[in-house]
């Protein structure tokens, strides 16, 4: 190899080391907040909240207490954007096509109909209430698909602001937690058996962890049915995010923002990585330890991403949005619960 070639390699290596040093402080801060979020779940009363919401709340508190040092900004940005996309890709390893098919046509119809109807209803209600379109889309995604993960993935694909994203995550965490607590009261009132209750929970509750909490509190059969139904909703994250990204790109160009602004909205390639991981999990017999490890890594990376989001968000931005988005999230949560219960009792 020539001297010039060796010099070029050394230059690239030096740049890589410099870039690593640039992002390391912010990434470490997000790691600490993610670990703190996991630890806070051991505190009585906080166990109802997920580590993602807790880590984001810690980030918001730190940002409100002091300006973010310049040295941590690159790593915080990396955590909030790049690590989020990596988490969405890894999420695909938790899903298989066999899981989807095991739900049956009736179960698939319930979950898909509830998802699409809730998404559409939320956007429509958002316009009536005067909620900003970006925030309405985030609340719609979080309520209809999979909570904070869907909010974060939608933000990454549509270019929504950090304030909108933090508000939407807070909303879906609040109403998802309420659903997890109240759902076990439904079976005796509606006459649902374990399988029917599990489908109802999986089709309507926001977060995967909340679904598990509400389902397994009833019985193992209900919990397993709820998780399968929920995973079918998570699988629909990919097409929904792709459609939203295309819609936003087209809408911003059409509104006269110009091709330059529309072009700055990234094509959500990470969604294709998510689909590729679904195919890998469906085609290969992955060891249970590998799937468990991937699941834990997914949760931790997503928790880091939301810690970064909290650190990037001014609480004043959230307060400025008022109470209307919260009302919208309440309407969306009630609607998805009502339509899911109606379909389960009528169709199943």
C-alpha atoms as a PDB file:
ATOM      1  CA  UNK A   1       0.000   0.000   0.000  1.00  0.00           C
ATOM      2  CA  UNK A   2       1.286   3.467  -0.885  1.00  0.00           C
ATOM      3  CA  UNK A   3       2.130   6.139   1.651  1.00  0.00           C
ATOM      4  CA  UNK A   4      -0.852   8.192   0.391  1.00  0.00           C
ATOM      5  CA  UNK A   5      -3.202   5.256   0.994  1.00  0.00           C
ATOM      6  CA  UNK A   6      -1.917   4.751   4.536  1.00  0.00           C
ATOM      7  CA  UNK A   7      -2.239   8.471   5.210  1.00  0.00           C
ATOM      8  CA  UNK A   8      -5.839   8.442   3.963  1.00  0.00           C
ATOM      9  CA  UNK A   9      -6.739   5.560   6.303  1.00  0.00           C
ATOM     10  CA  UNK A  10      -5.102   7.347   9.237  1.00  0.00           C
ATOM     11  CA  UNK A  11      -7.061  10.520   8.442  1.00  0.00           C
ATOM     12  CA  UNK A  12     -10.371   8.638   8.341  1.00  0.00           C
ATOM     13  CA  UNK A  13      -9.533   6.870  11.605  1.00  0.00           C
ATOM     14  CA  UNK A  14      -8.673  10.183  13.267  1.00  0.00           C
ATOM     15  CA  UNK A  15     -11.986  11.674  12.118  1.00  0.00           C
ATOM     16  CA  UNK A  16     -13.866   8.649  13.462  1.00  0.00           C
ATOM     17  CA  UNK A  17     -12.161   8.987  16.848  1.00  0.00           C
ATOM     18  CA  UNK A  18     -12.927  12.716  16.903  1.00  0.00           C
ATOM     19  CA  UNK A  19     -16.586  12.127  16.030  1.00  0.00           C
ATOM     20  CA  UNK A  20     -16.828   9.441  18.718  1.00  0.00           C
ATOM     21  CA  UNK A  21     -15.418  11.842  21.278  1.00  0.00           C
ATOM     22  CA  UNK A  22     -17.869  14.496  20.127  1.00  0.00           C
ATOM     23  CA  UNK A  23     -20.993  12.399  20.739  1.00  0.00           C
ATOM     24  CA  UNK A  24     -19.790  10.402  23.766  1.00  0.00           C
ATOM     25  CA  UNK A  25     -20.754  12.876  26.554  1.00  0.00           C
ATOM     26  CA  UNK A  26     -24.347  13.244  25.336  1.00  0.00           C
ATOM     27  CA  UNK A  27     -24.758   9.524  24.738  1.00  0.00           C
ATOM     28  CA  UNK A  28     -23.479   8.753  28.243  1.00  0.00           C
ATOM     29  CA  UNK A  29     -25.928  11.268  29.700  1.00  0.00           C
ATOM     30  CA  UNK A  30     -28.791   9.521  27.884  1.00  0.00           C
ATOM     31  CA  UNK A  31     -27.516   6.137  29.120  1.00  0.00           C
ATOM     32  CA  UNK A  32     -27.590   7.423  32.709  1.00  0.00           C
ATOM     33  CA  UNK A  33     -31.125   8.767  32.293  1.00  0.00           C
ATOM     34  CA  UNK A  34     -32.262   5.487  30.732  1.00  0.00           C
ATOM     35  CA  UNK A  35     -30.817   3.537  33.669  1.00  0.00           C
ATOM     36  CA  UNK A  36     -32.461   5.965  36.082  1.00  0.00           C
ATOM     37  CA  UNK A  37     -35.776   5.510  34.279  1.00  0.00           C
ATOM     38  CA  UNK A  38     -35.506   1.743  34.700  1.00  0.00           C
ATOM     39  CA  UNK A  39     -34.573   2.145  38.359  1.00  0.00           C
ATOM     40  CA  UNK A  40     -37.432   4.523  39.141  1.00  0.00           C
ATOM     41  CA  UNK A  41     -39.922   1.818  38.218  1.00  0.00           C
ATOM     42  CA  UNK A  42     -39.010   0.180  41.527  1.00  0.00           C
ATOM     43  CA  UNK A  43     -40.477   3.161  43.404  1.00  0.00           C
ATOM     44  CA  UNK A  44     -44.056   2.443  44.578  1.00  0.00           C
ATOM     45  CA  UNK A  45     -46.516   4.289  42.368  1.00  0.00           C
ATOM     46  CA  UNK A  46     -44.044   4.821  39.540  1.00  0.00           C
ATOM     47  CA  UNK A  47     -44.183   1.180  38.501  1.00  0.00           C
ATOM     48  CA  UNK A  48     -47.298   2.018  36.459  1.00  0.00           C
ATOM     49  CA  UNK A  49     -45.170   4.167  34.162  1.00  0.00           C
ATOM     50  CA  UNK A  50     -42.748   2.741  31.647  1.00  0.00           C
ATOM     51  CA  UNK A  51     -39.014   3.490  31.707  1.00  0.00           C
ATOM     52  CA  UNK A  52     -39.353   5.478  28.470  1.00  0.00           C
ATOM     53  CA  UNK A  53     -41.789   7.986  29.966  1.00  0.00           C
ATOM     54  CA  UNK A  54     -39.738   8.242  33.169  1.00  0.00           C
ATOM     55  CA  UNK A  55     -36.478   8.840  31.286  1.00  0.00           C
ATOM     56  CA  UNK A  56     -38.158  11.502  29.147  1.00  0.00           C
ATOM     57  CA  UNK A  57     -39.524  13.175  32.288  1.00  0.00           C
ATOM     58  CA  UNK A  58     -36.031  13.249  33.815  1.00  0.00           C
ATOM     59  CA  UNK A  59     -34.700  14.826  30.638  1.00  0.00           C
ATOM     60  CA  UNK A  60     -37.414  17.481  30.733  1.00  0.00           C
ATOM     61  CA  UNK A  61     -36.609  18.286  34.373  1.00  0.00           C
ATOM     62  CA  UNK A  62     -32.883  18.647  33.650  1.00  0.00           C
ATOM     63  CA  UNK A  63     -33.558  20.845  30.619  1.00  0.00           C
ATOM     64  CA  UNK A  64     -35.915  23.028  32.686  1.00  0.00           C
ATOM     65  CA  UNK A  65     -33.361  23.364  35.498  1.00  0.00           C
ATOM     66  CA  UNK A  66     -30.362  24.383  33.397  1.00  0.00           C
ATOM     67  CA  UNK A  67     -29.311  25.101  29.816  1.00  0.00           C
ATOM     68  CA  UNK A  68     -27.995  22.062  27.984  1.00  0.00           C
ATOM     69  CA  UNK A  69     -24.164  22.247  27.817  1.00  0.00           C
ATOM     70  CA  UNK A  70     -22.873  22.498  24.253  1.00  0.00           C
ATOM     71  CA  UNK A  71     -20.645  19.473  24.820  1.00  0.00           C
ATOM     72  CA  UNK A  72     -23.565  17.081  25.212  1.00  0.00           C
ATOM     73  CA  UNK A  73     -25.744  18.370  22.352  1.00  0.00           C
ATOM     74  CA  UNK A  74     -24.310  16.139  19.552  1.00  0.00           C
ATOM     75  CA  UNK A  75     -24.702  12.956  21.616  1.00  0.00           C
ATOM     76  CA  UNK A  76     -28.196  13.899  22.765  1.00  0.00           C
ATOM     77  CA  UNK A  77     -29.190  14.508  19.146  1.00  0.00           C
ATOM     78  CA  UNK A  78     -27.669  11.158  18.121  1.00  0.00           C
ATOM     79  CA  UNK A  79     -29.632   9.379  20.854  1.00  0.00           C
ATOM     80  CA  UNK A  80     -32.922  11.090  19.996  1.00  0.00           C
ATOM     81  CA  UNK A  81     -32.680  10.360  16.261  1.00  0.00           C
ATOM     82  CA  UNK A  82     -30.198   7.654  15.258  1.00  0.00           C
ATOM     83  CA  UNK A  83     -30.617   5.358  18.263  1.00  0.00           C
ATOM     84  CA  UNK A  84     -34.380   5.679  17.942  1.00  0.00           C
ATOM     85  CA  UNK A  85     -34.218   4.369  14.383  1.00  0.00           C
ATOM     86  CA  UNK A  86     -31.958   1.517  15.479  1.00  0.00           C
ATOM     87  CA  UNK A  87     -34.522   0.612  18.160  1.00  0.00           C
ATOM     88  CA  UNK A  88     -37.334   0.513  15.596  1.00  0.00           C
ATOM     89  CA  UNK A  89     -35.253  -1.812  13.400  1.00  0.00           C
ATOM     90  CA  UNK A  90     -34.579  -4.165  16.334  1.00  0.00           C
ATOM     91  CA  UNK A  91     -38.268  -4.131  17.234  1.00  0.00           C
ATOM     92  CA  UNK A  92     -38.870  -6.200  14.117  1.00  0.00           C
ATOM     93  CA  UNK A  93     -37.162  -9.193  15.736  1.00  0.00           C
ATOM     94  CA  UNK A  94     -40.025  -9.422  18.242  1.00  0.00           C
ATOM     95  CA  UNK A  95     -42.583 -10.118  15.499  1.00  0.00           C
ATOM     96  CA  UNK A  96     -43.198 -13.028  13.154  1.00  0.00           C
ATOM     97  CA  UNK A  97     -45.732 -13.617  10.416  1.00  0.00           C
ATOM     98  CA  UNK A  98     -46.794 -16.750  12.309  1.00  0.00           C
ATOM     99  CA  UNK A  99     -47.823 -14.554  15.259  1.00  0.00           C
ATOM    100  CA  UNK A 100     -49.919 -12.483  12.908  1.00  0.00           C
ATOM    101  CA  UNK A 101     -51.629 -15.485  11.326  1.00  0.00           C
ATOM    102  CA  UNK A 102     -52.337 -17.082  14.712  1.00  0.00           C
ATOM    103  CA  UNK A 103     -54.715 -14.225  15.457  1.00  0.00           C
ATOM    104  CA  UNK A 104     -57.132 -15.449  12.783  1.00  0.00           C
ATOM    105  CA  UNK A 105     -59.087 -13.402  10.263  1.00  0.00           C
ATOM    106  CA  UNK A 106     -61.587 -12.204  12.859  1.00  0.00           C
ATOM    107  CA  UNK A 107     -58.902 -10.990  15.242  1.00  0.00           C
ATOM    108  CA  UNK A 108     -56.963  -9.317  12.437  1.00  0.00           C
ATOM    109  CA  UNK A 109     -60.129  -7.560  11.291  1.00  0.00           C
ATOM    110  CA  UNK A 110     -60.743  -6.233  14.800  1.00  0.00           C
ATOM    111  CA  UNK A 111     -57.218  -4.882  15.318  1.00  0.00           C
ATOM    112  CA  UNK A 112     -56.830  -3.427  11.814  1.00  0.00           C
ATOM    113  CA  UNK A 113     -60.265  -1.795  11.819  1.00  0.00           C
ATOM    114  CA  UNK A 114     -59.770  -0.300  15.281  1.00  0.00           C
ATOM    115  CA  UNK A 115     -56.345   1.032  14.271  1.00  0.00           C
ATOM    116  CA  UNK A 116     -57.419   2.668  11.008  1.00  0.00           C
ATOM    117  CA  UNK A 117     -60.685   4.036  12.417  1.00  0.00           C
ATOM    118  CA  UNK A 118     -58.941   5.512  15.472  1.00  0.00           C
ATOM    119  CA  UNK A 119     -56.224   7.100  13.377  1.00  0.00           C
ATOM    120  CA  UNK A 120     -58.765   8.712  11.048  1.00  0.00           C
ATOM    121  CA  UNK A 121     -61.046   9.814  13.894  1.00  0.00           C
ATOM    122  CA  UNK A 122     -58.124  11.403  15.756  1.00  0.00           C
ATOM    123  CA  UNK A 123     -57.030  13.430  12.730  1.00  0.00           C
ATOM    124  CA  UNK A 124     -60.615  14.574  12.137  1.00  0.00           C
ATOM    125  CA  UNK A 125     -61.162  15.492  15.795  1.00  0.00           C
ATOM    126  CA  UNK A 126     -57.802  17.262  15.831  1.00  0.00           C
ATOM    127  CA  UNK A 127     -58.945  19.554  13.032  1.00  0.00           C
ATOM    128  CA  UNK A 128     -62.203  20.301  14.874  1.00  0.00           C
ATOM    129  CA  UNK A 129     -60.324  21.116  18.083  1.00  0.00           C
ATOM    130  CA  UNK A 130     -57.713  23.218  16.315  1.00  0.00           C
ATOM    131  CA  UNK A 131     -54.797  20.967  17.281  1.00  0.00           C
ATOM    132  CA  UNK A 132     -51.708  21.414  15.101  1.00  0.00           C
ATOM    133  CA  UNK A 133     -51.552  18.719  12.367  1.00  0.00           C
ATOM    134  CA  UNK A 134     -48.118  17.421  13.427  1.00  0.00           C
ATOM    135  CA  UNK A 135     -49.245  16.947  17.026  1.00  0.00           C
ATOM    136  CA  UNK A 136     -52.549  15.366  15.966  1.00  0.00           C
ATOM    137  CA  UNK A 137     -50.662  12.849  13.808  1.00  0.00           C
ATOM    138  CA  UNK A 138     -48.372  11.933  16.700  1.00  0.00           C
ATOM    139  CA  UNK A 139     -51.304  11.411  19.083  1.00  0.00           C
ATOM    140  CA  UNK A 140     -53.103   9.383  16.411  1.00  0.00           C
ATOM    141  CA  UNK A 141     -50.065   7.139  15.880  1.00  0.00           C
ATOM    142  CA  UNK A 142     -49.392   6.669  19.590  1.00  0.00           C
ATOM    143  CA  UNK A 143     -52.996   5.808  20.400  1.00  0.00           C
ATOM    144  CA  UNK A 144     -53.767   3.577  17.440  1.00  0.00           C
ATOM    145  CA  UNK A 145     -50.469   1.693  16.997  1.00  0.00           C
ATOM    146  CA  UNK A 146     -48.042   1.245  19.880  1.00  0.00           C
ATOM    147  CA  UNK A 147     -47.709   4.184  22.224  1.00  0.00           C
ATOM    148  CA  UNK A 148     -44.443   6.051  22.701  1.00  0.00           C
ATOM    149  CA  UNK A 149     -42.590   3.875  20.169  1.00  0.00           C
ATOM    150  CA  UNK A 150     -45.057   4.840  17.439  1.00  0.00           C
ATOM    151  CA  UNK A 151     -44.912   8.511  18.442  1.00  0.00           C
ATOM    152  CA  UNK A 152     -41.124   8.511  18.231  1.00  0.00           C
ATOM    153  CA  UNK A 153     -41.033   6.626  14.919  1.00  0.00           C
ATOM    154  CA  UNK A 154     -43.643   8.955  13.429  1.00  0.00           C
ATOM    155  CA  UNK A 155     -41.699  11.987  14.570  1.00  0.00           C
ATOM    156  CA  UNK A 156     -38.545  10.660  12.924  1.00  0.00           C
ATOM    157  CA  UNK A 157     -40.362  10.090   9.628  1.00  0.00           C
ATOM    158  CA  UNK A 158     -42.455  13.266   9.475  1.00  0.00           C
ATOM    159  CA  UNK A 159     -40.146  15.888  10.959  1.00  0.00           C
ATOM    160  CA  UNK A 160     -42.442  16.819  13.875  1.00  0.00           C
ATOM    161  CA  UNK A 161     -40.952  19.036  16.574  1.00  0.00           C
ATOM    162  CA  UNK A 162     -39.560  17.905  19.919  1.00  0.00           C
ATOM    163  CA  UNK A 163     -42.259  19.773  21.859  1.00  0.00           C
ATOM    164  CA  UNK A 164     -45.057  18.079  19.934  1.00  0.00           C
ATOM    165  CA  UNK A 165     -43.401  14.707  20.436  1.00  0.00           C
ATOM    166  CA  UNK A 166     -42.952  15.131  24.186  1.00  0.00           C
ATOM    167  CA  UNK A 167     -46.586  16.228  24.568  1.00  0.00           C
ATOM    168  CA  UNK A 168     -47.818  13.223  22.563  1.00  0.00           C
ATOM    169  CA  UNK A 169     -45.677  10.778  24.567  1.00  0.00           C
ATOM    170  CA  UNK A 170     -47.030  12.221  27.815  1.00  0.00           C
ATOM    171  CA  UNK A 171     -50.605  11.850  26.538  1.00  0.00           C
ATOM    172  CA  UNK A 172     -50.322   8.244  25.398  1.00  0.00           C
ATOM    173  CA  UNK A 173     -48.481   7.298  28.597  1.00  0.00           C
ATOM    174  CA  UNK A 174     -51.218   8.851  30.737  1.00  0.00           C
ATOM    175  CA  UNK A 175     -54.179   7.289  28.952  1.00  0.00           C
ATOM    176  CA  UNK A 176     -52.429   3.974  28.351  1.00  0.00           C
ATOM    177  CA  UNK A 177     -51.720   3.702  32.072  1.00  0.00           C
ATOM    178  CA  UNK A 178     -55.345   4.512  32.903  1.00  0.00           C
ATOM    179  CA  UNK A 179     -56.466   1.849  30.428  1.00  0.00           C
ATOM    180  CA  UNK A 180     -54.146  -0.729  31.995  1.00  0.00           C
ATOM    181  CA  UNK A 181     -55.656  -0.040  35.427  1.00  0.00           C
ATOM    182  CA  UNK A 182     -59.311   0.075  34.334  1.00  0.00           C
ATOM    183  CA  UNK A 183     -59.479  -2.640  31.648  1.00  0.00           C
ATOM    184  CA  UNK A 184     -59.682  -5.586  34.113  1.00  0.00           C
ATOM    185  CA  UNK A 185     -63.063  -4.192  35.241  1.00  0.00           C
ATOM    186  CA  UNK A 186     -64.569  -4.776  31.784  1.00  0.00           C
ATOM    187  CA  UNK A 187     -64.928  -8.619  31.441  1.00  0.00           C
ATOM    188  CA  UNK A 188     -67.704  -9.115  34.023  1.00  0.00           C
ATOM    189  CA  UNK A 189     -69.582  -6.067  32.727  1.00  0.00           C
ATOM    190  CA  UNK A 190     -69.344  -7.026  29.047  1.00  0.00           C
ATOM    191  CA  UNK A 191     -69.479 -10.804  29.470  1.00  0.00           C
ATOM    192  CA  UNK A 192     -66.079 -11.393  27.848  1.00  0.00           C
ATOM    193  CA  UNK A 193     -64.218 -14.678  28.183  1.00  0.00           C
ATOM    194  CA  UNK A 194     -60.417 -14.765  28.499  1.00  0.00           C
ATOM    195  CA  UNK A 195     -59.757 -14.880  24.741  1.00  0.00           C
ATOM    196  CA  UNK A 196     -62.225 -12.084  24.018  1.00  0.00           C
ATOM    197  CA  UNK A 197     -60.840  -9.904  26.783  1.00  0.00           C
ATOM    198  CA  UNK A 198     -57.294 -10.484  25.539  1.00  0.00           C
ATOM    199  CA  UNK A 199     -58.253  -9.432  22.013  1.00  0.00           C
ATOM    200  CA  UNK A 200     -60.012  -6.345  23.383  1.00  0.00           C
ATOM    201  CA  UNK A 201     -56.950  -5.319  25.399  1.00  0.00           C
ATOM    202  CA  UNK A 202     -54.499  -6.026  22.582  1.00  0.00           C
ATOM    203  CA  UNK A 203     -56.573  -4.026  20.108  1.00  0.00           C
ATOM    204  CA  UNK A 204     -57.036  -0.967  22.307  1.00  0.00           C
ATOM    205  CA  UNK A 205     -54.306  -0.408  24.921  1.00  0.00           C
ATOM    206  CA  UNK A 206     -51.406   1.821  23.895  1.00  0.00           C
ATOM    207  CA  UNK A 207     -48.038   0.322  24.966  1.00  0.00           C
ATOM    208  CA  UNK A 208     -46.866  -3.287  24.742  1.00  0.00           C
ATOM    209  CA  UNK A 209     -45.984  -3.295  28.459  1.00  0.00           C
ATOM    210  CA  UNK A 210     -49.396  -1.866  29.334  1.00  0.00           C
ATOM    211  CA  UNK A 211     -51.071  -4.581  27.256  1.00  0.00           C
ATOM    212  CA  UNK A 212     -49.128  -7.240  29.142  1.00  0.00           C
ATOM    213  CA  UNK A 213     -50.087  -5.669  32.469  1.00  0.00           C
ATOM    214  CA  UNK A 214     -53.803  -5.483  31.667  1.00  0.00           C
ATOM    215  CA  UNK A 215     -53.933  -8.906  30.000  1.00  0.00           C
ATOM    216  CA  UNK A 216     -52.016 -11.063  32.455  1.00  0.00           C
ATOM    217  CA  UNK A 217     -53.816  -9.495  35.433  1.00  0.00           C
ATOM    218  CA  UNK A 218     -56.863 -11.407  34.178  1.00  0.00           C
ATOM    219  CA  UNK A 219     -55.249 -14.741  33.268  1.00  0.00           C
ATOM    220  CA  UNK A 220     -52.397 -16.320  31.306  1.00  0.00           C
ATOM    221  CA  UNK A 221     -54.762 -17.092  28.420  1.00  0.00           C
ATOM    222  CA  UNK A 222     -55.964 -13.493  28.267  1.00  0.00           C
ATOM    223  CA  UNK A 223     -52.409 -12.175  28.471  1.00  0.00           C
ATOM    224  CA  UNK A 224     -51.175 -14.347  25.612  1.00  0.00           C
ATOM    225  CA  UNK A 225     -54.156 -13.401  23.425  1.00  0.00           C
ATOM    226  CA  UNK A 226     -53.594  -9.730  24.225  1.00  0.00           C
ATOM    227  CA  UNK A 227     -49.913  -9.877  23.272  1.00  0.00           C
ATOM    228  CA  UNK A 228     -50.620 -11.538  19.916  1.00  0.00           C
ATOM    229  CA  UNK A 229     -53.257  -8.902  19.103  1.00  0.00           C
ATOM    230  CA  UNK A 230     -50.903  -6.121  20.160  1.00  0.00           C
ATOM    231  CA  UNK A 231     -48.047  -7.440  18.033  1.00  0.00           C
ATOM    232  CA  UNK A 232     -50.317  -7.395  14.995  1.00  0.00           C
ATOM    233  CA  UNK A 233     -50.807  -3.665  15.621  1.00  0.00           C
ATOM    234  CA  UNK A 234     -47.060  -3.152  15.984  1.00  0.00           C
ATOM    235  CA  UNK A 235     -46.529  -4.841  12.617  1.00  0.00           C
ATOM    236  CA  UNK A 236     -48.737  -2.169  11.051  1.00  0.00           C
ATOM    237  CA  UNK A 237     -46.290   0.475  12.290  1.00  0.00           C
ATOM    238  CA  UNK A 238     -44.242   0.095   9.105  1.00  0.00           C
ATOM    239  CA  UNK A 239     -46.926   0.815   6.483  1.00  0.00           C
ATOM    240  CA  UNK A 240     -48.466   3.580   8.601  1.00  0.00           C
ATOM    241  CA  UNK A 241     -45.145   5.398   9.030  1.00  0.00           C
ATOM    242  CA  UNK A 242     -44.334   5.067   5.328  1.00  0.00           C
ATOM    243  CA  UNK A 243     -47.741   6.461   4.364  1.00  0.00           C
ATOM    244  CA  UNK A 244     -47.415   9.325   6.839  1.00  0.00           C
ATOM    245  CA  UNK A 245     -43.947  10.221   5.591  1.00  0.00           C
ATOM    246  CA  UNK A 246     -45.149  10.305   1.976  1.00  0.00           C
ATOM    247  CA  UNK A 247     -48.221  12.323   2.976  1.00  0.00           C
ATOM    248  CA  UNK A 248     -46.145  14.911   4.852  1.00  0.00           C
ATOM    249  CA  UNK A 249     -43.630  15.274   2.023  1.00  0.00           C
ATOM    250  CA  UNK A 250     -46.398  15.788  -0.504  1.00  0.00           C
ATOM    251  CA  UNK A 251     -48.402  18.113   1.734  1.00  0.00           C
ATOM    252  CA  UNK A 252     -45.499  20.429   2.513  1.00  0.00           C
ATOM    253  CA  UNK A 253     -44.519  20.712  -1.134  1.00  0.00           C
ATOM    254  CA  UNK A 254     -48.157  21.340  -2.131  1.00  0.00           C
ATOM    255  CA  UNK A 255     -48.598  24.042   0.528  1.00  0.00           C
ATOM    256  CA  UNK A 256     -45.938  26.093  -1.188  1.00  0.00           C
ATOM    257  CA  UNK A 257     -43.098  25.260   1.173  1.00  0.00           C
ATOM    258  CA  UNK A 258     -41.154  24.240  -1.883  1.00  0.00           C
ATOM    259  CA  UNK A 259     -39.342  21.145  -2.989  1.00  0.00           C
ATOM    260  CA  UNK A 260     -36.389  22.011  -0.764  1.00  0.00           C
ATOM    261  CA  UNK A 261     -38.406  21.764   2.447  1.00  0.00           C
ATOM    262  CA  UNK A 262     -40.183  18.612   1.309  1.00  0.00           C
ATOM    263  CA  UNK A 263     -36.862  17.048   0.361  1.00  0.00           C
ATOM    264  CA  UNK A 264     -35.515  17.675   3.856  1.00  0.00           C
ATOM    265  CA  UNK A 265     -38.088  15.248   5.236  1.00  0.00           C
ATOM    266  CA  UNK A 266     -36.124  11.988   5.303  1.00  0.00           C
ATOM    267  CA  UNK A 267     -37.305   8.819   3.636  1.00  0.00           C
ATOM    268  CA  UNK A 268     -37.817   6.518   6.654  1.00  0.00           C
ATOM    269  CA  UNK A 269     -35.378   3.812   5.569  1.00  0.00           C
ATOM    270  CA  UNK A 270     -35.325   2.453   9.109  1.00  0.00           C
ATOM    271  CA  UNK A 271     -38.845   1.136   8.487  1.00  0.00           C
ATOM    272  CA  UNK A 272     -37.469  -1.140   5.774  1.00  0.00           C
ATOM    273  CA  UNK A 273     -34.933  -2.358   8.319  1.00  0.00           C
ATOM    274  CA  UNK A 274     -37.838  -3.104  10.662  1.00  0.00           C
ATOM    275  CA  UNK A 275     -39.558  -5.152   7.938  1.00  0.00           C
ATOM    276  CA  UNK A 276     -36.301  -6.972   7.172  1.00  0.00           C
ATOM    277  CA  UNK A 277     -35.987  -7.974  10.834  1.00  0.00           C
ATOM    278  CA  UNK A 278     -39.584  -9.261  10.788  1.00  0.00           C
ATOM    279  CA  UNK A 279     -38.643 -11.464   7.827  1.00  0.00           C
ATOM    280  CA  UNK A 280     -35.508 -12.659   9.648  1.00  0.00           C
ATOM    281  CA  UNK A 281     -37.522 -13.561  12.756  1.00  0.00           C
ATOM    282  CA  UNK A 282     -40.152 -15.278  10.588  1.00  0.00           C
ATOM    283  CA  UNK A 283     -37.659 -17.252   8.482  1.00  0.00           C
ATOM    284  CA  UNK A 284     -35.100 -18.324  11.078  1.00  0.00           C
ATOM    285  CA  UNK A 285     -35.563 -20.188  14.339  1.00  0.00           C
ATOM    286  CA  UNK A 286     -33.910 -17.607  16.561  1.00  0.00           C
ATOM    287  CA  UNK A 287     -32.834 -18.770  20.040  1.00  0.00           C
ATOM    288  CA  UNK A 288     -35.110 -17.478  22.758  1.00  0.00           C
ATOM    289  CA  UNK A 289     -32.125 -15.810  24.403  1.00  0.00           C
ATOM    290  CA  UNK A 290     -31.452 -13.856  21.198  1.00  0.00           C
ATOM    291  CA  UNK A 291     -35.038 -12.622  20.944  1.00  0.00           C
ATOM    292  CA  UNK A 292     -35.089 -11.712  24.629  1.00  0.00           C
ATOM    293  CA  UNK A 293     -31.793  -9.858  24.321  1.00  0.00           C
ATOM    294  CA  UNK A 294     -33.009  -8.010  21.233  1.00  0.00           C
ATOM    295  CA  UNK A 295     -36.173  -7.039  23.100  1.00  0.00           C
ATOM    296  CA  UNK A 296     -34.214  -5.667  26.036  1.00  0.00           C
ATOM    297  CA  UNK A 297     -31.875  -3.781  23.687  1.00  0.00           C
ATOM    298  CA  UNK A 298     -34.861  -2.327  21.843  1.00  0.00           C
ATOM    299  CA  UNK A 299     -36.419  -1.053  25.061  1.00  0.00           C
ATOM    300  CA  UNK A 300     -33.151   0.425  26.306  1.00  0.00           C
ATOM    301  CA  UNK A 301     -32.352   2.192  23.023  1.00  0.00           C
ATOM    302  CA  UNK A 302     -35.884   3.581  22.869  1.00  0.00           C
ATOM    303  CA  UNK A 303     -35.538   4.745  26.482  1.00  0.00           C
ATOM    304  CA  UNK A 304     -32.274   6.500  25.600  1.00  0.00           C
ATOM    305  CA  UNK A 305     -33.978   8.111  22.612  1.00  0.00           C
ATOM    306  CA  UNK A 306     -36.794   9.508  24.741  1.00  0.00           C
ATOM    307  CA  UNK A 307     -34.298  10.711  27.342  1.00  0.00           C
ATOM    308  CA  UNK A 308     -32.636  12.606  24.496  1.00  0.00           C
ATOM    309  CA  UNK A 309     -36.013  13.946  23.438  1.00  0.00           C
ATOM    310  CA  UNK A 310     -36.672  15.228  26.967  1.00  0.00           C
ATOM    311  CA  UNK A 311     -33.277  16.924  27.066  1.00  0.00           C
ATOM    312  CA  UNK A 312     -34.068  18.585  23.724  1.00  0.00           C
ATOM    313  CA  UNK A 313     -37.471  19.942  24.754  1.00  0.00           C
ATOM    314  CA  UNK A 314     -38.310  23.206  26.495  1.00  0.00           C
ATOM    315  CA  UNK A 315     -41.211  22.740  28.932  1.00  0.00           C
ATOM    316  CA  UNK A 316     -42.506  26.104  27.772  1.00  0.00           C
ATOM    317  CA  UNK A 317     -43.118  24.573  24.343  1.00  0.00           C
ATOM    318  CA  UNK A 318     -45.370  21.945  25.929  1.00  0.00           C
ATOM    319  CA  UNK A 319     -47.295  24.442  28.070  1.00  0.00           C
ATOM    320  CA  UNK A 320     -47.847  26.662  25.035  1.00  0.00           C
ATOM    321  CA  UNK A 321     -49.873  23.914  23.348  1.00  0.00           C
ATOM    322  CA  UNK A 322     -52.619  24.152  25.962  1.00  0.00           C
ATOM    323  CA  UNK A 323     -55.187  21.538  26.943  1.00  0.00           C
ATOM    324  CA  UNK A 324     -56.771  20.815  23.569  1.00  0.00           C
ATOM    325  CA  UNK A 325     -54.252  18.132  22.555  1.00  0.00           C
ATOM    326  CA  UNK A 326     -54.852  16.413  25.912  1.00  0.00           C
ATOM    327  CA  UNK A 327     -58.581  16.417  25.181  1.00  0.00           C
ATOM    328  CA  UNK A 328     -57.849  14.978  21.740  1.00  0.00           C
ATOM    329  CA  UNK A 329     -55.814  12.151  23.289  1.00  0.00           C
ATOM    330  CA  UNK A 330     -58.671  11.395  25.700  1.00  0.00           C
ATOM    331  CA  UNK A 331     -61.159  11.233  22.816  1.00  0.00           C
ATOM    332  CA  UNK A 332     -58.833   8.929  20.864  1.00  0.00           C
ATOM    333  CA  UNK A 333     -58.315   6.613  23.861  1.00  0.00           C
ATOM    334  CA  UNK A 334     -62.049   6.355  24.546  1.00  0.00           C
ATOM    335  CA  UNK A 335     -62.814   5.755  20.876  1.00  0.00           C
ATOM    336  CA  UNK A 336     -60.325   2.922  20.373  1.00  0.00           C
ATOM    337  CA  UNK A 337     -61.575   1.227  23.558  1.00  0.00           C
ATOM    338  CA  UNK A 338     -65.217   1.598  22.527  1.00  0.00           C
ATOM    339  CA  UNK A 339     -64.821   0.412  18.932  1.00  0.00           C
ATOM    340  CA  UNK A 340     -62.614  -2.522  19.985  1.00  0.00           C
ATOM    341  CA  UNK A 341     -65.105  -3.649  22.624  1.00  0.00           C
ATOM    342  CA  UNK A 342     -68.002  -3.303  20.179  1.00  0.00           C
ATOM    343  CA  UNK A 343     -66.283  -5.403  17.515  1.00  0.00           C
ATOM    344  CA  UNK A 344     -65.153  -8.087  19.964  1.00  0.00           C
ATOM    345  CA  UNK A 345     -68.656  -8.489  21.411  1.00  0.00           C
ATOM    346  CA  UNK A 346     -70.411  -8.422  18.016  1.00  0.00           C
ATOM    347  CA  UNK A 347     -67.985 -10.276  15.719  1.00  0.00           C
ATOM    348  CA  UNK A 348     -66.161 -12.747  17.947  1.00  0.00           C
END
